[in-house]
C-alpha atoms as a PDB file:
ATOM      1  CA  MET A   1     178.475  58.908 177.745  1.00  0.00           C
ATOM      2  CA  ARG A   2     175.052  57.808 176.690  1.00  0.00           C
ATOM      3  CA  GLY A   3     174.122  58.067 173.093  1.00  0.00           C
ATOM      4  CA  ALA A   4     171.481  60.491 171.950  1.00  0.00           C
ATOM      5  CA  ALA A   5     167.916  59.222 172.180  1.00  0.00           C
ATOM      6  CA  PRO A   6     166.613  58.037 168.842  1.00  0.00           C
ATOM      7  CA  ALA A   7     164.283  60.526 167.191  1.00  0.00           C
ATOM      8  CA  ARG A   8     160.651  59.535 166.999  1.00  0.00           C
ATOM      9  CA  ARG A   9     159.566  58.541 163.574  1.00  0.00           C
ATOM     10  CA  PRO A  10     156.425  60.195 162.248  1.00  0.00           C
ATOM     11  CA  LEU A  11     153.341  58.102 162.038  1.00  0.00           C
ATOM     12  CA  GLY A  12     153.308  55.962 158.978  1.00  0.00           C
ATOM     13  CA  SER A  13     150.520  55.897 156.432  1.00  0.00           C
ATOM     14  CA  GLN A  14     149.124  52.712 157.986  1.00  0.00           C
ATOM     15  CA  ASN A  15     148.773  54.328 161.428  1.00  0.00           C
ATOM     16  CA  ARG A  16     147.139  57.415 159.943  1.00  0.00           C
ATOM     17  CA  THR A  17     144.670  55.251 158.081  1.00  0.00           C
ATOM     18  CA  LEU A  18     143.918  53.299 161.264  1.00  0.00           C
ATOM     19  CA  TRP A  19     143.161  56.436 163.287  1.00  0.00           C
ATOM     20  CA  PHE A  20     141.084  57.830 160.435  1.00  0.00           C
ATOM     21  CA  TRP A  21     138.767  54.817 160.559  1.00  0.00           C
ATOM     22  CA  VAL A  22     138.731  54.844 164.373  1.00  0.00           C
ATOM     23  CA  PHE A  23     137.191  58.313 164.361  1.00  0.00           C
ATOM     24  CA  VAL A  24     135.222  58.215 161.113  1.00  0.00           C
ATOM     25  CA  GLY A  25     134.197  54.547 161.127  1.00  0.00           C
ATOM     26  CA  PRO A  26     131.353  54.740 163.702  1.00  0.00           C
ATOM     27  CA  PHE A  27     129.757  57.699 161.907  1.00  0.00           C
ATOM     28  CA  ALA A  28     130.147  56.061 158.502  1.00  0.00           C
ATOM     29  CA  LEU A  29     128.624  52.844 159.856  1.00  0.00           C
ATOM     30  CA  GLY A  30     125.692  54.733 161.346  1.00  0.00           C
ATOM     31  CA  LEU A  31     125.166  56.576 158.055  1.00  0.00           C
ATOM     32  CA  VAL A  32     125.077  53.303 156.132  1.00  0.00           C
ATOM     33  CA  VAL A  33     122.834  51.451 158.614  1.00  0.00           C
ATOM     34  CA  PHE A  34     120.352  54.217 159.383  1.00  0.00           C
ATOM     35  CA  THR A  35     120.301  56.115 156.071  1.00  0.00           C
ATOM     36  CA  TYR A  36     121.520  54.223 153.022  1.00  0.00           C
ATOM     37  CA  VAL A  37     120.089  50.809 153.919  1.00  0.00           C
ATOM     38  CA  PRO A  38     116.577  52.199 154.640  1.00  0.00           C
ATOM     39  CA  LEU A  39     116.717  54.211 151.406  1.00  0.00           C
ATOM     40  CA  ALA A  40     117.691  51.162 149.391  1.00  0.00           C
ATOM     41  CA  TRP A  41     115.013  49.055 151.103  1.00  0.00           C
ATOM     42  CA  SER A  42     112.402  51.727 150.390  1.00  0.00           C
ATOM     43  CA  VAL A  43     113.257  51.582 146.692  1.00  0.00           C
ATOM     44  CA  TYR A  44     112.991  47.780 146.885  1.00  0.00           C
ATOM     45  CA  LEU A  45     109.573  47.952 148.568  1.00  0.00           C
ATOM     46  CA  SER A  46     108.262  50.314 145.886  1.00  0.00           C
ATOM     47  CA  PHE A  47     108.235  47.408 143.381  1.00  0.00           C
ATOM     48  CA  PHE A  48     106.186  45.088 145.621  1.00  0.00           C
ATOM     49  CA  ASP A  49     102.702  44.857 147.058  1.00  0.00           C
ATOM     50  CA  ALA A  50     103.740  45.562 150.656  1.00  0.00           C
ATOM     51  CA  HIS A  51     100.614  45.781 152.816  1.00  0.00           C
ATOM     52  CA  ASN A  52     101.467  45.561 156.518  1.00  0.00           C
ATOM     53  CA  THR A  53     104.890  44.036 155.832  1.00  0.00           C
ATOM     54  CA  VAL A  54     108.458  45.086 155.134  1.00  0.00           C
ATOM     55  CA  SER A  55     109.387  41.754 153.556  1.00  0.00           C
ATOM     56  CA  PRO A  56     106.906  41.335 150.678  1.00  0.00           C
ATOM     57  CA  THR A  57     106.952  38.636 148.023  1.00  0.00           C
ATOM     58  CA  ASP A  58     104.331  39.843 145.503  1.00  0.00           C
ATOM     59  CA  PHE A  59     106.260  41.730 142.791  1.00  0.00           C
ATOM     60  CA  VAL A  60     104.113  44.344 141.004  1.00  0.00           C
ATOM     61  CA  GLY A  61     106.723  46.215 138.975  1.00  0.00           C
ATOM     62  CA  LEU A  62     105.823  49.850 138.295  1.00  0.00           C
ATOM     63  CA  ASP A  63     102.176  49.517 139.348  1.00  0.00           C
ATOM     64  CA  ASN A  64     102.774  51.420 142.598  1.00  0.00           C
ATOM     65  CA  TYR A  65     104.352  54.304 140.700  1.00  0.00           C
ATOM     66  CA  ALA A  66     101.477  54.411 138.219  1.00  0.00           C
ATOM     67  CA  SER A  67      98.936  54.371 141.069  1.00  0.00           C
ATOM     68  CA  MET A  68     100.654  57.260 142.821  1.00  0.00           C
ATOM     69  CA  LEU A  69     100.847  59.376 139.679  1.00  0.00           C
ATOM     70  CA  ARG A  70      97.128  58.761 139.025  1.00  0.00           C
ATOM     71  CA  ASN A  71      96.208  59.495 142.641  1.00  0.00           C
ATOM     72  CA  ASP A  72      94.542  62.902 142.945  1.00  0.00           C
ATOM     73  CA  ALA A  73      95.435  63.133 146.630  1.00  0.00           C
ATOM     74  CA  PHE A  74      99.148  62.769 145.858  1.00  0.00           C
ATOM     75  CA  THR A  75      99.074  65.338 143.054  1.00  0.00           C
ATOM     76  CA  ASP A  76      97.137  67.672 145.347  1.00  0.00           C
ATOM     77  CA  SER A  77      99.885  67.288 147.940  1.00  0.00           C
ATOM     78  CA  LEU A  78     102.416  68.369 145.320  1.00  0.00           C
ATOM     79  CA  ALA A  79     100.228  71.409 144.618  1.00  0.00           C
ATOM     80  CA  THR A  80     100.227  72.143 148.344  1.00  0.00           C
ATOM     81  CA  PHE A  81     104.015  72.054 148.289  1.00  0.00           C
ATOM     82  CA  ALA A  82     104.096  74.420 145.306  1.00  0.00           C
ATOM     83  CA  LEU A  83     101.861  76.899 147.154  1.00  0.00           C
ATOM     84  CA  PHE A  84     103.869  76.587 150.353  1.00  0.00           C
ATOM     85  CA  SER A  85     107.110  77.051 148.431  1.00  0.00           C
ATOM     86  CA  ALA A  86     105.710  80.130 146.694  1.00  0.00           C
ATOM     87  CA  PHE A  87     105.050  81.639 150.135  1.00  0.00           C
ATOM     88  CA  ILE A  88     108.066  80.552 152.149  1.00  0.00           C
ATOM     89  CA  VAL A  89     110.989  80.705 149.690  1.00  0.00           C
ATOM     90  CA  PRO A  90     110.814  84.411 148.709  1.00  0.00           C
ATOM     91  CA  THR A  91     109.761  85.631 152.172  1.00  0.00           C
ATOM     92  CA  THR A  92     112.588  83.755 153.920  1.00  0.00           C
ATOM     93  CA  PHE A  93     115.088  84.887 151.289  1.00  0.00           C
ATOM     94  CA  VAL A  94     114.162  88.564 151.618  1.00  0.00           C
ATOM     95  CA  LEU A  95     113.887  88.536 155.420  1.00  0.00           C
ATOM     96  CA  SER A  96     117.173  86.691 155.980  1.00  0.00           C
ATOM     97  CA  LEU A  97     118.984  88.984 153.537  1.00  0.00           C
ATOM     98  CA  ALA A  98     117.524  92.074 155.239  1.00  0.00           C
ATOM     99  CA  LEU A  99     118.581  90.796 158.664  1.00  0.00           C
ATOM    100  CA  ALA A 100     122.086  90.064 157.368  1.00  0.00           C
ATOM    101  CA  LEU A 101     122.404  93.563 155.912  1.00  0.00           C
ATOM    102  CA  MET A 102     121.268  95.165 159.174  1.00  0.00           C
ATOM    103  CA  VAL A 103     123.536  93.034 161.370  1.00  0.00           C
ATOM    104  CA  ASN A 104     126.482  93.587 159.034  1.00  0.00           C
ATOM    105  CA  ARG A 105     126.067  97.372 159.340  1.00  0.00           C
ATOM    106  CA  THR A 106     125.861  97.203 163.120  1.00  0.00           C
ATOM    107  CA  ARG A 107     129.100  98.350 164.734  1.00  0.00           C
ATOM    108  CA  ARG A 108     128.208  97.526 168.329  1.00  0.00           C
ATOM    109  CA  ALA A 109     127.006  94.224 169.791  1.00  0.00           C
ATOM    110  CA  GLN A 110     127.072  92.522 166.396  1.00  0.00           C
ATOM    111  CA  ALA A 111     127.697  89.127 167.997  1.00  0.00           C
ATOM    112  CA  PHE A 112     124.690  89.663 170.284  1.00  0.00           C
ATOM    113  CA  PHE A 113     122.271  90.407 167.442  1.00  0.00           C
ATOM    114  CA  ARG A 114     123.694  87.577 165.364  1.00  0.00           C
ATOM    115  CA  SER A 115     123.059  85.162 168.224  1.00  0.00           C
ATOM    116  CA  VAL A 116     119.569  86.507 168.942  1.00  0.00           C
ATOM    117  CA  PHE A 117     118.403  86.125 165.340  1.00  0.00           C
ATOM    118  CA  PHE A 118     120.022  82.692 164.985  1.00  0.00           C
ATOM    119  CA  LEU A 119     118.628  81.331 168.269  1.00  0.00           C
ATOM    120  CA  PRO A 120     115.231  80.181 166.833  1.00  0.00           C
ATOM    121  CA  ALA A 121     117.091  77.846 164.464  1.00  0.00           C
ATOM    122  CA  ALA A 122     118.004  75.749 167.526  1.00  0.00           C
ATOM    123  CA  CYS A 123     114.344  75.325 168.470  1.00  0.00           C
ATOM    124  CA  SER A 124     112.507  72.130 167.621  1.00  0.00           C
ATOM    125  CA  TYR A 125     109.917  72.394 164.843  1.00  0.00           C
ATOM    126  CA  VAL A 126     107.489  70.428 166.993  1.00  0.00           C
ATOM    127  CA  VAL A 127     107.873  72.753 169.979  1.00  0.00           C
ATOM    128  CA  ALA A 128     107.568  75.874 167.822  1.00  0.00           C
ATOM    129  CA  ALA A 129     104.453  74.504 166.088  1.00  0.00           C
ATOM    130  CA  LEU A 130     102.796  73.783 169.441  1.00  0.00           C
ATOM    131  CA  ILE A 131     103.618  77.290 170.708  1.00  0.00           C
ATOM    132  CA  TRP A 132     102.080  78.803 167.575  1.00  0.00           C
ATOM    133  CA  LYS A 133      99.032  76.523 167.860  1.00  0.00           C
ATOM    134  CA  LEU A 134      98.334  76.770 171.597  1.00  0.00           C
ATOM    135  CA  SER A 135      99.533  80.265 172.487  1.00  0.00           C
ATOM    136  CA  ILE A 136      99.631  82.601 169.502  1.00  0.00           C
ATOM    137  CA  PHE A 137      97.023  81.368 167.002  1.00  0.00           C
ATOM    138  CA  ASN A 138      94.839  79.448 169.413  1.00  0.00           C
ATOM    139  CA  GLY A 139      91.573  80.203 167.685  1.00  0.00           C
ATOM    140  CA  VAL A 140      89.841  81.242 170.917  1.00  0.00           C
ATOM    141  CA  ARG A 141      89.833  84.504 172.788  1.00  0.00           C
ATOM    142  CA  PHE A 142      92.832  83.481 174.885  1.00  0.00           C
ATOM    143  CA  GLY A 143      95.205  83.265 171.898  1.00  0.00           C
ATOM    144  CA  LEU A 144      97.621  86.156 171.451  1.00  0.00           C
ATOM    145  CA  ALA A 145      96.547  86.902 167.869  1.00  0.00           C
ATOM    146  CA  ASN A 146      92.840  87.012 168.764  1.00  0.00           C
ATOM    147  CA  THR A 147      93.598  89.095 171.870  1.00  0.00           C
ATOM    148  CA  VAL A 148      95.293  91.709 169.684  1.00  0.00           C
ATOM    149  CA  LEU A 149      92.362  91.622 167.252  1.00  0.00           C
ATOM    150  CA  GLY A 150      89.991  92.127 170.178  1.00  0.00           C
ATOM    151  CA  TRP A 151      91.781  95.362 171.109  1.00  0.00           C
ATOM    152  CA  PHE A 152      90.686  96.772 167.751  1.00  0.00           C
ATOM    153  CA  GLY A 153      87.147  95.402 167.977  1.00  0.00           C
ATOM    154  CA  ALA A 154      87.660  92.688 165.348  1.00  0.00           C
ATOM    155  CA  GLU A 155      85.982  89.287 165.512  1.00  0.00           C
ATOM    156  CA  GLN A 156      87.753  86.167 166.710  1.00  0.00           C
ATOM    157  CA  VAL A 157      89.340  84.000 163.998  1.00  0.00           C
ATOM    158  CA  ALA A 158      89.607  80.207 163.974  1.00  0.00           C
ATOM    159  CA  TRP A 159      93.054  80.338 162.430  1.00  0.00           C
ATOM    160  CA  LEU A 160      93.651  76.641 161.792  1.00  0.00           C
ATOM    161  CA  SER A 161      90.139  75.505 160.874  1.00  0.00           C
ATOM    162  CA  THR A 162      89.000  78.323 158.582  1.00  0.00           C
ATOM    163  CA  THR A 163      89.400  77.541 154.899  1.00  0.00           C
ATOM    164  CA  GLU A 164      87.627  80.590 153.475  1.00  0.00           C
ATOM    165  CA  PRO A 165      89.877  82.541 153.662  1.00  0.00           C
ATOM    166  CA  PRO A 166      92.658  80.021 154.384  1.00  0.00           C
ATOM    167  CA  TRP A 167      94.108  81.668 157.475  1.00  0.00           C
ATOM    168  CA  TYR A 168      96.081  78.513 158.311  1.00  0.00           C
ATOM    169  CA  TRP A 169      98.659  79.527 155.709  1.00  0.00           C
ATOM    170  CA  LEU A 170      99.530  82.546 157.838  1.00  0.00           C
ATOM    171  CA  VAL A 171     100.217  80.267 160.814  1.00  0.00           C
ATOM    172  CA  ILE A 172     102.282  77.745 158.827  1.00  0.00           C
ATOM    173  CA  VAL A 173     104.380  80.338 157.000  1.00  0.00           C
ATOM    174  CA  THR A 174     105.118  82.477 160.062  1.00  0.00           C
ATOM    175  CA  VAL A 175     106.307  79.562 162.197  1.00  0.00           C
ATOM    176  CA  ARG A 176     108.633  78.316 159.437  1.00  0.00           C
ATOM    177  CA  LEU A 177     109.807  81.890 158.814  1.00  0.00           C
ATOM    178  CA  TRP A 178     110.647  82.374 162.490  1.00  0.00           C
ATOM    179  CA  LEU A 179     112.489  79.071 162.663  1.00  0.00           C
ATOM    180  CA  GLN A 180     114.730  79.329 159.620  1.00  0.00           C
ATOM    181  CA  ALA A 181     115.318  83.016 158.831  1.00  0.00           C
ATOM    182  CA  GLY A 182     118.183  83.231 161.332  1.00  0.00           C
ATOM    183  CA  PHE A 183     120.029  80.284 159.809  1.00  0.00           C
ATOM    184  CA  TYR A 184     119.979  81.755 156.304  1.00  0.00           C
ATOM    185  CA  MET A 185     120.878  85.151 157.766  1.00  0.00           C
ATOM    186  CA  ILE A 186     124.163  83.588 158.921  1.00  0.00           C
ATOM    187  CA  LEU A 187     124.842  82.337 155.384  1.00  0.00           C
ATOM    188  CA  PHE A 188     124.195  85.772 153.911  1.00  0.00           C
ATOM    189  CA  LEU A 189     126.255  87.397 156.648  1.00  0.00           C
ATOM    190  CA  ALA A 190     129.211  85.175 155.789  1.00  0.00           C
ATOM    191  CA  GLY A 191     128.838  86.178 152.148  1.00  0.00           C
ATOM    192  CA  LEU A 192     128.668  89.875 153.011  1.00  0.00           C
ATOM    193  CA  GLN A 193     131.831  89.708 155.070  1.00  0.00           C
ATOM    194  CA  ARG A 194     133.702  88.194 152.121  1.00  0.00           C
ATOM    195  CA  ILE A 195     132.986  91.205 149.872  1.00  0.00           C
ATOM    196  CA  PRO A 196     136.182  93.285 149.572  1.00  0.00           C
ATOM    197  CA  PRO A 197     135.678  96.787 151.085  1.00  0.00           C
ATOM    198  CA  VAL A 198     137.649  98.242 148.174  1.00  0.00           C
ATOM    199  CA  LEU A 199     134.619  97.618 145.929  1.00  0.00           C
ATOM    200  CA  TYR A 200     132.458  99.921 148.044  1.00  0.00           C
ATOM    201  CA  GLU A 201     135.237 102.511 148.153  1.00  0.00           C
ATOM    202  CA  ALA A 202     135.559 102.420 144.377  1.00  0.00           C
ATOM    203  CA  ALA A 203     131.795 102.738 144.011  1.00  0.00           C
ATOM    204  CA  ALA A 204     131.787 105.799 146.296  1.00  0.00           C
ATOM    205  CA  VAL A 205     134.569 107.390 144.237  1.00  0.00           C
ATOM    206  CA  ASP A 206     132.567 106.741 141.057  1.00  0.00           C
ATOM    207  CA  GLY A 207     129.595 108.559 142.615  1.00  0.00           C
ATOM    208  CA  ALA A 208     127.359 105.599 143.452  1.00  0.00           C
ATOM    209  CA  ARG A 209     124.681 106.525 145.941  1.00  0.00           C
ATOM    210  CA  PRO A 210     124.705 104.501 149.158  1.00  0.00           C
ATOM    211  CA  GLY A 211     121.587 102.407 149.484  1.00  0.00           C
ATOM    212  CA  TRP A 212     119.758 100.834 146.569  1.00  0.00           C
ATOM    213  CA  GLN A 213     122.418 101.622 143.953  1.00  0.00           C
ATOM    214  CA  VAL A 214     125.217 100.015 145.941  1.00  0.00           C
ATOM    215  CA  LEU A 215     122.987  97.090 146.916  1.00  0.00           C
ATOM    216  CA  ARG A 216     121.953  96.429 143.323  1.00  0.00           C
ATOM    217  CA  HIS A 217     125.295  96.866 141.565  1.00  0.00           C
ATOM    218  CA  ILE A 218     127.799  95.759 144.229  1.00  0.00           C
ATOM    219  CA  THR A 219     126.258  93.726 147.048  1.00  0.00           C
ATOM    220  CA  LEU A 220     123.778  91.492 145.210  1.00  0.00           C
ATOM    221  CA  PRO A 221     126.173  90.482 142.386  1.00  0.00           C
ATOM    222  CA  GLN A 222     128.841  89.607 144.962  1.00  0.00           C
ATOM    223  CA  LEU A 223     126.276  87.506 146.854  1.00  0.00           C
ATOM    224  CA  ARG A 224     125.353  85.477 143.798  1.00  0.00           C
ATOM    225  CA  ALA A 225     126.881  82.186 144.954  1.00  0.00           C
ATOM    226  CA  THR A 226     125.355  82.540 148.427  1.00  0.00           C
ATOM    227  CA  SER A 227     121.964  83.439 146.950  1.00  0.00           C
ATOM    228  CA  VAL A 228     121.987  80.332 144.738  1.00  0.00           C
ATOM    229  CA  ALA A 229     122.860  78.102 147.713  1.00  0.00           C
ATOM    230  CA  VAL A 230     120.161  79.691 149.901  1.00  0.00           C
ATOM    231  CA  THR A 231     117.507  79.298 147.193  1.00  0.00           C
ATOM    232  CA  LEU A 232     118.347  75.629 146.638  1.00  0.00           C
ATOM    233  CA  LEU A 233     118.280  74.888 150.378  1.00  0.00           C
ATOM    234  CA  LEU A 234     114.962  76.697 150.796  1.00  0.00           C
ATOM    235  CA  VAL A 235     113.293  74.722 148.008  1.00  0.00           C
ATOM    236  CA  ILE A 236     114.623  71.391 149.316  1.00  0.00           C
ATOM    237  CA  ASN A 237     113.497  72.206 152.876  1.00  0.00           C
ATOM    238  CA  ALA A 238     110.058  73.190 151.569  1.00  0.00           C
ATOM    239  CA  PHE A 239     109.733  69.751 149.956  1.00  0.00           C
ATOM    240  CA  GLN A 240     110.563  68.174 153.309  1.00  0.00           C
ATOM    241  CA  ALA A 241     107.966  70.103 155.307  1.00  0.00           C
ATOM    242  CA  PHE A 242     106.199  67.805 157.753  1.00  0.00           C
ATOM    243  CA  ASP A 243     106.503  68.741 161.442  1.00  0.00           C
ATOM    244  CA  GLU A 244     104.788  72.125 161.334  1.00  0.00           C
ATOM    245  CA  PHE A 245     101.943  70.922 159.104  1.00  0.00           C
ATOM    246  CA  TYR A 246     101.293  67.791 161.133  1.00  0.00           C
ATOM    247  CA  ASN A 247     101.501  69.403 164.569  1.00  0.00           C
ATOM    248  CA  LEU A 248      99.554  72.520 163.629  1.00  0.00           C
ATOM    249  CA  LEU A 249      96.644  70.999 161.716  1.00  0.00           C
ATOM    250  CA  SER A 250      96.150  67.516 163.174  1.00  0.00           C
ATOM    251  CA  ASP A 251      93.976  66.945 166.247  1.00  0.00           C
ATOM    252  CA  SER A 252      92.129  64.115 167.956  1.00  0.00           C
ATOM    253  CA  ARG A 253      89.974  63.679 164.845  1.00  0.00           C
ATOM    254  CA  GLY A 254      92.993  63.259 162.595  1.00  0.00           C
ATOM    255  CA  TYR A 255      94.409  65.441 159.849  1.00  0.00           C
ATOM    256  CA  PRO A 256      92.057  67.662 157.814  1.00  0.00           C
ATOM    257  CA  PRO A 257      91.689  67.050 154.062  1.00  0.00           C
ATOM    258  CA  TYR A 258      93.306  70.392 153.156  1.00  0.00           C
ATOM    259  CA  ALA A 259      96.960  71.539 153.256  1.00  0.00           C
ATOM    260  CA  ARG A 260      98.559  68.114 153.050  1.00  0.00           C
ATOM    261  CA  PRO A 261     102.162  68.370 151.853  1.00  0.00           C
ATOM    262  CA  PRO A 262     103.738  65.280 150.225  1.00  0.00           C
ATOM    263  CA  LEU A 263     105.382  63.919 153.383  1.00  0.00           C
ATOM    264  CA  VAL A 264     102.148  64.141 155.384  1.00  0.00           C
ATOM    265  CA  TYR A 265     100.263  62.298 152.649  1.00  0.00           C
ATOM    266  CA  LEU A 266     102.974  59.624 152.416  1.00  0.00           C
ATOM    267  CA  TYR A 267     102.972  59.270 156.203  1.00  0.00           C
ATOM    268  CA  TYR A 268      99.281  58.414 156.224  1.00  0.00           C
ATOM    269  CA  THR A 269      99.664  56.170 153.167  1.00  0.00           C
ATOM    270  CA  ALA A 270     102.492  54.090 154.631  1.00  0.00           C
ATOM    271  CA  LEU A 271     101.593  54.202 158.335  1.00  0.00           C
ATOM    272  CA  GLY A 272      97.858  54.879 158.313  1.00  0.00           C
ATOM    273  CA  GLN A 273      95.059  52.355 158.407  1.00  0.00           C
ATOM    274  CA  GLY A 274      96.052  50.673 155.148  1.00  0.00           C
ATOM    275  CA  GLN A 275      99.787  50.634 155.896  1.00  0.00           C
ATOM    276  CA  ASN A 276     100.603  50.299 152.227  1.00  0.00           C
ATOM    277  CA  LEU A 277     104.392  50.484 152.463  1.00  0.00           C
ATOM    278  CA  GLY A 278     104.863  49.680 148.784  1.00  0.00           C
ATOM    279  CA  LEU A 279     102.681  52.575 147.671  1.00  0.00           C
ATOM    280  CA  GLY A 280     104.245  54.908 150.220  1.00  0.00           C
ATOM    281  CA  SER A 281     107.744  53.915 149.128  1.00  0.00           C
ATOM    282  CA  ALA A 282     106.879  54.583 145.497  1.00  0.00           C
ATOM    283  CA  GLY A 283     105.616  58.029 146.460  1.00  0.00           C
ATOM    284  CA  ALA A 284     108.815  58.681 148.408  1.00  0.00           C
ATOM    285  CA  VAL A 285     110.950  57.709 145.408  1.00  0.00           C
ATOM    286  CA  ILE A 286     108.882  59.974 143.148  1.00  0.00           C
ATOM    287  CA  LEU A 287     109.303  62.825 145.614  1.00  0.00           C
ATOM    288  CA  ALA A 288     113.059  62.237 145.823  1.00  0.00           C
ATOM    289  CA  LEU A 289     113.324  62.272 142.030  1.00  0.00           C
ATOM    290  CA  ILE A 290     111.346  65.507 141.857  1.00  0.00           C
ATOM    291  CA  ILE A 291     113.655  67.099 144.456  1.00  0.00           C
ATOM    292  CA  ALA A 292     116.710  65.935 142.494  1.00  0.00           C
ATOM    293  CA  VAL A 293     115.368  67.220 139.177  1.00  0.00           C
ATOM    294  CA  VAL A 294     114.341  70.587 140.638  1.00  0.00           C
ATOM    295  CA  THR A 295     117.682  70.991 142.429  1.00  0.00           C
ATOM    296  CA  VAL A 296     119.790  70.098 139.381  1.00  0.00           C
ATOM    297  CA  GLY A 297     117.571  72.230 137.146  1.00  0.00           C
ATOM    298  CA  GLN A 298     117.928  75.239 139.415  1.00  0.00           C
ATOM    299  CA  ALA A 299     121.675  74.786 139.720  1.00  0.00           C
ATOM    300  CA  ARG A 300     122.107  74.512 135.953  1.00  0.00           C
ATOM    301  CA  TRP A 301     119.824  77.479 135.334  1.00  0.00           C
ATOM    302  CA  PHE A 302     121.727  79.678 137.758  1.00  0.00           C
ATOM    303  CA  GLY A 303     125.024  78.488 136.360  1.00  0.00           C
ATOM    304  CA  LEU A 304     124.046  79.146 132.753  1.00  0.00           C
ATOM    305  CA  SER A 305     122.738  82.608 133.627  1.00  0.00           C
ATOM    306  CA  GLY A 306     126.028  83.294 135.411  1.00  0.00           C
ATOM    307  CA  LYS A 307     127.958  82.395 132.240  1.00  0.00           C
ATOM    308  CA  GLU A 308     125.783  84.719 130.232  1.00  0.00           C
ATOM    309  CA  GLU A 309     126.459  87.560 132.632  1.00  0.00           C
ATOM    310  CA  ARG A 310     130.213  86.952 132.438  1.00  0.00           C
ATOM    311  CA  ARG A 311     130.058  86.987 128.646  1.00  0.00           C
ATOM    312  CA  ARG A 312     128.354  90.341 128.768  1.00  0.00           C
END
């Protein structure tokens, strides 16, 4: 009679570690090579006079940082970001929350509406900007927006070249709103579905009116963590705005002097005619520090306010 087959031993810690690095190693290597090394080299370049070279030898210390902070064009780009953020952050927040509330209340075809509203998030920013520029806000009588205005007898508008009033802000904000509202709707929807139904039942028993009262005293407080995350992501993404600005406003003559966000300005500084990589790298480091400070400041402010509310 043959003996029983020996039981298989579970994988040892060494084998588990090996398979971990087999699957994670290529992604970690790509992250280091294509993200961390360029970031570190950019910080290195910011301390050198790097005209038309990525291997400079002329050390200038903090001169590049001082030049950027004294540069009116760079500070104006930060003002452009502030204006863009003032437009896009609250509008995206309110629209995505409203969409989440409507989809969450839908009892039929909820998955369909969730997919429809999220679908624009899969679209390329470049493609969306070109559609807005060439089809909707074309600036000639063939554009959709001017066609609609013509139905009411209004004059044609050069949407992207008129600075008084600055109609280009309408084009930039609407394309970003269309692209990202669905993504943040999903975040809010996940937060809404985590709210215990017993809270709404208790509120109904206590006589709370459905609508604004329930939204203000039950829904919004329960969505606090999601709201903080959405606000931080919106501000960070506003800092990183590039594709829609560049593809909407640039043409064969170049980029106009107005509505230049920080990344567009740094793009022309580092890769334009001067190709001053040292100056551009210093501006990128300054921008990264500003993003970090704003993000940490917002997180701490929201956290401190949350503690105060709990104390009350």
